[in-house]
Each structure stands twice: as structure tokens, then as C-alpha cells.
Amino acid sequence: MSQIILEAQGISKSFHDPVTIPVLKNISFSLNKGEFVSVIGKSGCGKSTLLYILSTMDTDYEGNLIIDEVSMQGKDEGELAVVRNEKIGFVFQFHYLLNEFSVLENVMLPGQKLGKYSPKEIRERAYQKLKILGIENEALKKPNQLSGGQKQRVAIARALINDPLIIMGDEPTGNLDKKNSEIVFDIFKELAENYGQSLLIVTHDNEFASRTQRIIEMQDGSIIRM
């Protein structure tokens, strides 16, 4: 029996500016542990809006979001921040690394924010994540000394630092060339297959999506194929 770790139940959302425009219409699906799922669809179909809701960053919607068997309904911003820190790792199109810190220190940041481990443990965990991604030799460099592909690997290591239930990606290969997109895809695949990591990745790259375990295709705010 697969363990469901995220469930969207009838999620709908509208923008009101000044007329009401529905952006998401009755979205329902679940994500299992260790599953690598992509969300595709044309620009403006609602996939990034959906990701913001699923990541608990947008709370203005109808329906229910369940993460790790707990409903997110009625939780305040402080409680949601804890869920984000513990349960969700983010990888964006732009890596958002801080050049004033070393690679290792960048990876450590969410661990320090969570405050669950000692500084020594956080450092060791960060180094381990860099090792999984094959860039431990770059640990003491500054991000601006790295290539685009290496920076994105650092961003993935940072997303992994707190051992999240889910990695959510918003166009994580959108800024990369074909070779580095391949590397990132292979990393995600290995995380799912060898480490039981669940991944939900919004992408424009249909070739990337075609190799994931499941595709959720959206159109005009609805899921049209799964």
C-alpha cells in the first residue's frame, strides 16, 4: 500500500481584480512517498499558482490540502512556516544562493532556520547532501565561482537539508542547458528511486516530464490528464 504524503481535495482559486477570474477549478490528486511527478501545461494554465497553494505559501483558496495526513485548513502563518521548513524543500528556476556565504553555508541555512540539529550536525548534514550530489569539492567556494549547473545542484542540496517529505520544483531546469537539465533530471530520479524522496515538479520541458513516473497535465485551471 503506497503512503500518501500530499493530497489536494477540490482546490479552487479565483483572482478578484476587479472582476472574478477562476484560476484553479476543483483540483484533486494525491502524491505518494517516493513518487516523481511532473505538472505540465501552457503558460497561464495555473500550475505555478497550484504549486504555491500546495507549498502552503498561498492560503487564499477553497478546498482542502492535506500534508503528511494533517489538514492545512485553519493553520496560522507560524504553523504553516513550520510545515514548510520541516516537510517541504524548494527548488526554483533561479537558485537564489547568497554570494556572501560559501556553498556549504548556503546549504546549511534552512537547517539553521529549523533549529532541530546542533550547528555541528547541520554542517555535517550539509556536507553529506553536497556529497550525494557530487559537488562536495565545491563546499568552500562562493556560489559566484560555480557554473549554472553546479549552482542548481547546490540549490537541490539546500532543499534536501531538513530531509523534507516533498521536494517541490518550479521550472528547476528552466535556466539550464540540455546537459545540465539531464544532470538535474538524473539527480531527481535517483532521489526518488534510491532515497524514497517524493518530487512534484512544475515544468515547461515536455521531454523532462515524459520521463517522470507520472504527468499531471493542466489546462485553463483544470487537470485534463493524469
C-alpha atoms as a PDB file:
ATOM      1  CA  MET A   1       0.000   0.000   0.000  1.00  0.00           C
ATOM      2  CA  SER A   2       1.532   3.311  -1.075  1.00  0.00           C
ATOM      3  CA  GLN A   3       1.789   6.002   1.558  1.00  0.00           C
ATOM      4  CA  ILE A   4       0.010   9.209   0.502  1.00  0.00           C
ATOM      5  CA  ILE A   5       2.024  12.194   1.694  1.00  0.00           C
ATOM      6  CA  LEU A   6       0.182  15.029  -0.033  1.00  0.00           C
ATOM      7  CA  GLU A   7      -3.446  15.272  -1.065  1.00  0.00           C
ATOM      8  CA  ALA A   8      -5.289  18.085  -2.831  1.00  0.00           C
ATOM      9  CA  GLN A   9      -9.048  17.851  -2.333  1.00  0.00           C
ATOM     10  CA  GLY A  10     -11.188  20.015  -4.616  1.00  0.00           C
ATOM     11  CA  ILE A  11      -8.843  23.008  -4.614  1.00  0.00           C
ATOM     12  CA  SER A  12     -10.245  26.069  -6.373  1.00  0.00           C
ATOM     13  CA  LYS A  13      -8.954  29.614  -6.525  1.00  0.00           C
ATOM     14  CA  SER A  14     -10.083  32.869  -8.142  1.00  0.00           C
ATOM     15  CA  PHE A  15      -8.423  36.234  -8.596  1.00  0.00           C
ATOM     16  CA  HIS A  16     -10.662  39.245  -7.887  1.00  0.00           C
ATOM     17  CA  ASP A  17      -9.172  42.254  -9.674  1.00  0.00           C
ATOM     18  CA  PRO A  18     -11.708  43.815 -10.144  1.00  0.00           C
ATOM     19  CA  VAL A  19     -13.720  41.039 -11.797  1.00  0.00           C
ATOM     20  CA  THR A  20     -13.604  37.460 -10.511  1.00  0.00           C
ATOM     21  CA  ILE A  21     -11.473  35.173 -12.669  1.00  0.00           C
ATOM     22  CA  PRO A  22     -11.256  31.473 -11.740  1.00  0.00           C
ATOM     23  CA  VAL A  23      -7.615  30.316 -11.854  1.00  0.00           C
ATOM     24  CA  LEU A  24      -7.958  26.809 -10.418  1.00  0.00           C
ATOM     25  CA  LYS A  25     -11.084  24.671 -10.696  1.00  0.00           C
ATOM     26  CA  ASN A  26     -11.666  21.708  -8.396  1.00  0.00           C
ATOM     27  CA  ILE A  27      -8.130  20.253  -8.428  1.00  0.00           C
ATOM     28  CA  SER A  28      -7.880  16.843  -6.755  1.00  0.00           C
ATOM     29  CA  PHE A  29      -4.951  14.417  -6.755  1.00  0.00           C
ATOM     30  CA  SER A  30      -2.536  12.750  -4.352  1.00  0.00           C
ATOM     31  CA  LEU A  31       1.220  12.243  -4.228  1.00  0.00           C
ATOM     32  CA  ASN A  32       2.752   9.055  -2.819  1.00  0.00           C
ATOM     33  CA  LYS A  33       6.010   8.615  -0.968  1.00  0.00           C
ATOM     34  CA  GLY A  34       8.922   8.150  -3.380  1.00  0.00           C
ATOM     35  CA  GLU A  35       6.883   9.292  -6.384  1.00  0.00           C
ATOM     36  CA  PHE A  36       8.397  11.581  -9.047  1.00  0.00           C
ATOM     37  CA  VAL A  37       5.537  13.586 -10.600  1.00  0.00           C
ATOM     38  CA  SER A  38       5.612  16.438 -13.119  1.00  0.00           C
ATOM     39  CA  VAL A  39       2.961  19.099 -13.710  1.00  0.00           C
ATOM     40  CA  ILE A  40       2.781  20.445 -17.260  1.00  0.00           C
ATOM     41  CA  GLY A  41       0.597  22.826 -19.221  1.00  0.00           C
ATOM     42  CA  LYS A  42       0.791  26.055 -21.193  1.00  0.00           C
ATOM     43  CA  SER A  43       1.767  29.341 -19.536  1.00  0.00           C
ATOM     44  CA  GLY A  44      -1.137  30.736 -17.546  1.00  0.00           C
ATOM     45  CA  CYS A  45      -2.852  27.368 -17.015  1.00  0.00           C
ATOM     46  CA  GLY A  46      -2.471  27.663 -13.225  1.00  0.00           C
ATOM     47  CA  LYS A  47       0.386  25.267 -12.493  1.00  0.00           C
ATOM     48  CA  SER A  48       2.591  27.736 -10.584  1.00  0.00           C
ATOM     49  CA  THR A  49      -0.470  29.027  -8.686  1.00  0.00           C
ATOM     50  CA  LEU A  50      -1.247  25.428  -7.719  1.00  0.00           C
ATOM     51  CA  LEU A  51       2.337  24.872  -6.533  1.00  0.00           C
ATOM     52  CA  TYR A  52       2.147  27.961  -4.299  1.00  0.00           C
ATOM     53  CA  ILE A  53      -1.013  26.594  -2.687  1.00  0.00           C
ATOM     54  CA  LEU A  54       0.433  23.087  -2.270  1.00  0.00           C
ATOM     55  CA  SER A  55       3.557  24.570  -0.686  1.00  0.00           C
ATOM     56  CA  THR A  56       1.318  26.410   1.868  1.00  0.00           C
ATOM     57  CA  MET A  57       2.606  29.824   0.710  1.00  0.00           C
ATOM     58  CA  ASP A  58      -0.834  30.815  -0.622  1.00  0.00           C
ATOM     59  CA  THR A  59      -3.717  30.223   1.779  1.00  0.00           C
ATOM     60  CA  ASP A  60      -6.464  32.024  -0.168  1.00  0.00           C
ATOM     61  CA  TYR A  61      -8.268  29.092  -1.795  1.00  0.00           C
ATOM     62  CA  GLU A  62     -11.253  26.767  -1.439  1.00  0.00           C
ATOM     63  CA  GLY A  63     -10.916  23.041  -0.809  1.00  0.00           C
ATOM     64  CA  ASN A  64      -8.513  21.164   1.416  1.00  0.00           C
ATOM     65  CA  LEU A  65      -4.787  20.451   1.407  1.00  0.00           C
ATOM     66  CA  ILE A  66      -3.500  17.521   3.454  1.00  0.00           C
ATOM     67  CA  ILE A  67       0.231  17.099   4.049  1.00  0.00           C
ATOM     68  CA  ASP A  68       1.516  14.071   5.952  1.00  0.00           C
ATOM     69  CA  GLU A  69      -2.057  13.191   6.987  1.00  0.00           C
ATOM     70  CA  VAL A  70      -2.666  16.635   8.525  1.00  0.00           C
ATOM     71  CA  SER A  71      -5.095  19.181   7.050  1.00  0.00           C
ATOM     72  CA  MET A  72      -3.631  22.646   6.473  1.00  0.00           C
ATOM     73  CA  GLN A  73      -7.041  24.275   6.999  1.00  0.00           C
ATOM     74  CA  GLY A  74      -7.159  26.775   9.840  1.00  0.00           C
ATOM     75  CA  LYS A  75      -3.413  26.793  10.465  1.00  0.00           C
ATOM     76  CA  ASP A  76      -1.870  30.209  11.127  1.00  0.00           C
ATOM     77  CA  GLU A  77       1.220  31.548   9.345  1.00  0.00           C
ATOM     78  CA  GLY A  78       3.556  30.390  12.136  1.00  0.00           C
ATOM     79  CA  GLU A  79       2.246  26.813  11.958  1.00  0.00           C
ATOM     80  CA  LEU A  80       2.481  26.803   8.152  1.00  0.00           C
ATOM     81  CA  ALA A  81       6.071  28.096   8.318  1.00  0.00           C
ATOM     82  CA  VAL A  82       6.963  25.072  10.468  1.00  0.00           C
ATOM     83  CA  VAL A  83       5.318  22.727   7.923  1.00  0.00           C
ATOM     84  CA  ARG A  84       7.292  24.382   5.091  1.00  0.00           C
ATOM     85  CA  ASN A  85      10.556  24.127   6.982  1.00  0.00           C
ATOM     86  CA  GLU A  86      10.122  20.511   8.053  1.00  0.00           C
ATOM     87  CA  LYS A  87       8.163  18.911   5.240  1.00  0.00           C
ATOM     88  CA  ILE A  88       8.924  20.804   2.009  1.00  0.00           C
ATOM     89  CA  GLY A  89      12.119  21.524   0.106  1.00  0.00           C
ATOM     90  CA  PHE A  90      12.013  24.084  -2.704  1.00  0.00           C
ATOM     91  CA  VAL A  91      13.954  24.243  -5.966  1.00  0.00           C
ATOM     92  CA  PHE A  92      13.225  27.217  -8.229  1.00  0.00           C
ATOM     93  CA  GLN A  93      14.241  28.221 -11.748  1.00  0.00           C
ATOM     94  CA  PHE A  94      16.710  30.678 -10.203  1.00  0.00           C
ATOM     95  CA  HIS A  95      18.857  29.222  -7.464  1.00  0.00           C
ATOM     96  CA  TYR A  96      18.670  32.193  -5.028  1.00  0.00           C
ATOM     97  CA  LEU A  97      22.071  31.432  -3.492  1.00  0.00           C
ATOM     98  CA  LEU A  98      23.752  34.118  -1.376  1.00  0.00           C
ATOM     99  CA  ASN A  99      27.180  35.061  -2.708  1.00  0.00           C
ATOM    100  CA  GLU A 100      28.374  36.362   0.663  1.00  0.00           C
ATOM    101  CA  PHE A 101      28.198  32.801   2.037  1.00  0.00           C
ATOM    102  CA  SER A 102      30.093  29.697   0.977  1.00  0.00           C
ATOM    103  CA  VAL A 103      28.317  26.846  -0.812  1.00  0.00           C
ATOM    104  CA  LEU A 104      28.269  24.851   2.438  1.00  0.00           C
ATOM    105  CA  GLU A 105      26.822  27.788   4.403  1.00  0.00           C
ATOM    106  CA  ASN A 106      24.092  28.272   1.774  1.00  0.00           C
ATOM    107  CA  VAL A 107      23.066  24.626   2.135  1.00  0.00           C
ATOM    108  CA  MET A 108      23.050  24.959   5.942  1.00  0.00           C
ATOM    109  CA  LEU A 109      20.622  27.924   6.029  1.00  0.00           C
ATOM    110  CA  PRO A 110      17.265  26.043   6.145  1.00  0.00           C
ATOM    111  CA  GLY A 111      18.774  23.697   8.760  1.00  0.00           C
ATOM    112  CA  GLN A 112      19.704  26.656  10.933  1.00  0.00           C
ATOM    113  CA  LYS A 113      16.223  28.095  10.469  1.00  0.00           C
ATOM    114  CA  LEU A 114      14.589  24.829  11.534  1.00  0.00           C
ATOM    115  CA  GLY A 115      16.775  24.676  14.658  1.00  0.00           C
ATOM    116  CA  LYS A 116      16.351  20.919  15.077  1.00  0.00           C
ATOM    117  CA  TYR A 117      20.040  19.965  14.990  1.00  0.00           C
ATOM    118  CA  SER A 118      23.248  21.299  16.547  1.00  0.00           C
ATOM    119  CA  PRO A 119      25.472  23.579  14.384  1.00  0.00           C
ATOM    120  CA  LYS A 120      27.957  20.693  14.031  1.00  0.00           C
ATOM    121  CA  GLU A 121      25.204  18.300  12.876  1.00  0.00           C
ATOM    122  CA  ILE A 122      23.819  20.852  10.407  1.00  0.00           C
ATOM    123  CA  ARG A 123      27.306  21.297   8.926  1.00  0.00           C
ATOM    124  CA  GLU A 124      27.779  17.519   8.610  1.00  0.00           C
ATOM    125  CA  ARG A 125      24.334  17.067   7.065  1.00  0.00           C
ATOM    126  CA  ALA A 126      25.000  19.866   4.558  1.00  0.00           C
ATOM    127  CA  TYR A 127      28.266  18.243   3.541  1.00  0.00           C
ATOM    128  CA  GLN A 128      26.505  14.872   3.135  1.00  0.00           C
ATOM    129  CA  LYS A 129      23.890  16.398   0.824  1.00  0.00           C
ATOM    130  CA  LEU A 130      26.624  18.013  -1.302  1.00  0.00           C
ATOM    131  CA  LYS A 131      28.289  14.600  -1.456  1.00  0.00           C
ATOM    132  CA  ILE A 132      25.084  12.911  -2.693  1.00  0.00           C
ATOM    133  CA  LEU A 133      25.014  15.499  -5.494  1.00  0.00           C
ATOM    134  CA  GLY A 134      28.705  15.061  -6.310  1.00  0.00           C
ATOM    135  CA  ILE A 135      29.764  18.629  -5.503  1.00  0.00           C
ATOM    136  CA  GLU A 136      31.336  18.272  -2.059  1.00  0.00           C
ATOM    137  CA  ASN A 137      34.630  19.549  -3.514  1.00  0.00           C
ATOM    138  CA  GLU A 138      32.974  22.942  -4.101  1.00  0.00           C
ATOM    139  CA  ALA A 139      31.810  23.266  -0.463  1.00  0.00           C
ATOM    140  CA  LEU A 140      34.088  26.158   0.487  1.00  0.00           C
ATOM    141  CA  LYS A 141      33.704  28.145  -2.734  1.00  0.00           C
ATOM    142  CA  LYS A 142      31.336  31.070  -3.116  1.00  0.00           C
ATOM    143  CA  PRO A 143      28.316  30.495  -5.418  1.00  0.00           C
ATOM    144  CA  ASN A 144      29.590  33.054  -7.949  1.00  0.00           C
ATOM    145  CA  GLN A 145      32.593  30.760  -8.552  1.00  0.00           C
ATOM    146  CA  LEU A 146      30.315  27.951  -9.790  1.00  0.00           C
ATOM    147  CA  SER A 147      28.711  27.129 -13.145  1.00  0.00           C
ATOM    148  CA  GLY A 148      24.924  27.379 -13.590  1.00  0.00           C
ATOM    149  CA  GLY A 149      24.519  23.609 -13.313  1.00  0.00           C
ATOM    150  CA  GLN A 150      26.598  23.450 -10.128  1.00  0.00           C
ATOM    151  CA  LYS A 151      24.560  26.270  -8.578  1.00  0.00           C
ATOM    152  CA  GLN A 152      21.340  24.381  -9.228  1.00  0.00           C
ATOM    153  CA  ARG A 153      22.842  21.282  -7.575  1.00  0.00           C
ATOM    154  CA  VAL A 154      23.694  23.397  -4.533  1.00  0.00           C
ATOM    155  CA  ALA A 155      20.074  24.618  -4.516  1.00  0.00           C
ATOM    156  CA  ILE A 156      18.896  20.977  -4.541  1.00  0.00           C
ATOM    157  CA  ALA A 157      21.266  20.138  -1.659  1.00  0.00           C
ATOM    158  CA  ARG A 158      19.819  23.089   0.259  1.00  0.00           C
ATOM    159  CA  ALA A 159      16.281  21.800  -0.414  1.00  0.00           C
ATOM    160  CA  LEU A 160      17.299  18.400   0.996  1.00  0.00           C
ATOM    161  CA  ILE A 161      18.992  19.598   4.203  1.00  0.00           C
ATOM    162  CA  ASN A 162      15.984  19.032   6.501  1.00  0.00           C
ATOM    163  CA  ASP A 163      15.071  15.671   4.890  1.00  0.00           C
ATOM    164  CA  PRO A 164      11.738  17.010   3.618  1.00  0.00           C
ATOM    165  CA  LEU A 165       8.817  14.761   2.741  1.00  0.00           C
ATOM    166  CA  ILE A 166       8.436  16.511  -0.614  1.00  0.00           C
ATOM    167  CA  ILE A 167      10.701  18.399  -2.973  1.00  0.00           C
ATOM    168  CA  MET A 168       8.677  20.944  -4.947  1.00  0.00           C
ATOM    169  CA  GLY A 169      10.238  22.452  -8.057  1.00  0.00           C
ATOM    170  CA  ASP A 170       9.082  25.426 -10.114  1.00  0.00           C
ATOM    171  CA  GLU A 171      10.807  25.140 -13.511  1.00  0.00           C
ATOM    172  CA  PRO A 172      14.060  23.860 -11.909  1.00  0.00           C
ATOM    173  CA  THR A 173      15.661  23.245 -15.320  1.00  0.00           C
ATOM    174  CA  GLY A 174      14.193  26.361 -16.967  1.00  0.00           C
ATOM    175  CA  ASN A 175      17.502  28.210 -16.794  1.00  0.00           C
ATOM    176  CA  LEU A 176      19.788  25.314 -17.708  1.00  0.00           C
ATOM    177  CA  ASP A 177      21.195  23.974 -20.971  1.00  0.00           C
ATOM    178  CA  LYS A 178      20.371  20.444 -22.146  1.00  0.00           C
ATOM    179  CA  LYS A 179      23.376  18.795 -20.482  1.00  0.00           C
ATOM    180  CA  ASN A 180      22.704  20.353 -17.064  1.00  0.00           C
ATOM    181  CA  SER A 181      18.962  19.673 -17.382  1.00  0.00           C
ATOM    182  CA  GLU A 182      19.882  15.995 -17.854  1.00  0.00           C
ATOM    183  CA  ILE A 183      22.050  16.079 -14.731  1.00  0.00           C
ATOM    184  CA  VAL A 184      19.249  17.615 -12.651  1.00  0.00           C
ATOM    185  CA  PHE A 185      16.728  15.083 -14.006  1.00  0.00           C
ATOM    186  CA  ASP A 186      19.080  12.197 -13.108  1.00  0.00           C
ATOM    187  CA  ILE A 187      19.528  13.594  -9.594  1.00  0.00           C
ATOM    188  CA  PHE A 188      15.757  13.803  -9.086  1.00  0.00           C
ATOM    189  CA  LYS A 189      15.311  10.274 -10.443  1.00  0.00           C
ATOM    190  CA  GLU A 190      17.986   8.938  -8.089  1.00  0.00           C
ATOM    191  CA  LEU A 191      16.444  10.761  -5.112  1.00  0.00           C
ATOM    192  CA  ALA A 192      13.075   9.126  -5.845  1.00  0.00           C
ATOM    193  CA  GLU A 193      14.394   5.641  -6.582  1.00  0.00           C
ATOM    194  CA  ASN A 194      17.239   5.316  -4.067  1.00  0.00           C
ATOM    195  CA  TYR A 195      16.199   7.648  -1.252  1.00  0.00           C
ATOM    196  CA  GLY A 196      12.372   7.388  -1.392  1.00  0.00           C
ATOM    197  CA  GLN A 197      12.110  11.139  -1.971  1.00  0.00           C
ATOM    198  CA  SER A 198       8.793  12.465  -3.295  1.00  0.00           C
ATOM    199  CA  LEU A 199       9.062  15.115  -6.001  1.00  0.00           C
ATOM    200  CA  LEU A 200       6.432  17.387  -7.519  1.00  0.00           C
ATOM    201  CA  ILE A 201       7.956  19.371 -10.373  1.00  0.00           C
ATOM    202  CA  VAL A 202       6.249  22.073 -12.448  1.00  0.00           C
ATOM    203  CA  THR A 203       7.943  22.205 -15.853  1.00  0.00           C
ATOM    204  CA  HIS A 204       7.610  23.521 -19.402  1.00  0.00           C
ATOM    205  CA  ASP A 205      10.030  20.841 -20.571  1.00  0.00           C
ATOM    206  CA  ASN A 206       7.877  18.055 -22.042  1.00  0.00           C
ATOM    207  CA  GLU A 207      10.910  15.818 -22.571  1.00  0.00           C
ATOM    208  CA  PHE A 208      11.757  16.123 -18.854  1.00  0.00           C
ATOM    209  CA  ALA A 209       8.124  15.416 -17.928  1.00  0.00           C
ATOM    210  CA  SER A 210       7.843  12.388 -20.220  1.00  0.00           C
ATOM    211  CA  ARG A 211      10.492  10.571 -18.167  1.00  0.00           C
ATOM    212  CA  THR A 212       8.907  11.189 -14.759  1.00  0.00           C
ATOM    213  CA  GLN A 213       6.759   8.471 -13.170  1.00  0.00           C
ATOM    214  CA  ARG A 214       3.508  10.398 -13.659  1.00  0.00           C
ATOM    215  CA  ILE A 215       2.389  13.505 -15.527  1.00  0.00           C
ATOM    216  CA  ILE A 216      -0.386  15.820 -14.386  1.00  0.00           C
ATOM    217  CA  GLU A 217      -1.442  17.960 -17.344  1.00  0.00           C
ATOM    218  CA  MET A 218      -3.319  21.200 -16.725  1.00  0.00           C
ATOM    219  CA  GLN A 219      -5.351  23.438 -18.986  1.00  0.00           C
ATOM    220  CA  ASP A 220      -7.337  26.551 -18.025  1.00  0.00           C
ATOM    221  CA  GLY A 221      -7.093  25.827 -14.295  1.00  0.00           C
ATOM    222  CA  SER A 222      -8.196  22.188 -14.502  1.00  0.00           C
ATOM    223  CA  ILE A 223      -6.441  18.845 -14.644  1.00  0.00           C
ATOM    224  CA  ILE A 224      -7.178  17.386 -18.084  1.00  0.00           C
ATOM    225  CA  ARG A 225      -4.939  14.310 -17.931  1.00  0.00           C
ATOM    226  CA  MET A 226      -3.186  12.316 -15.246  1.00  0.00           C
END
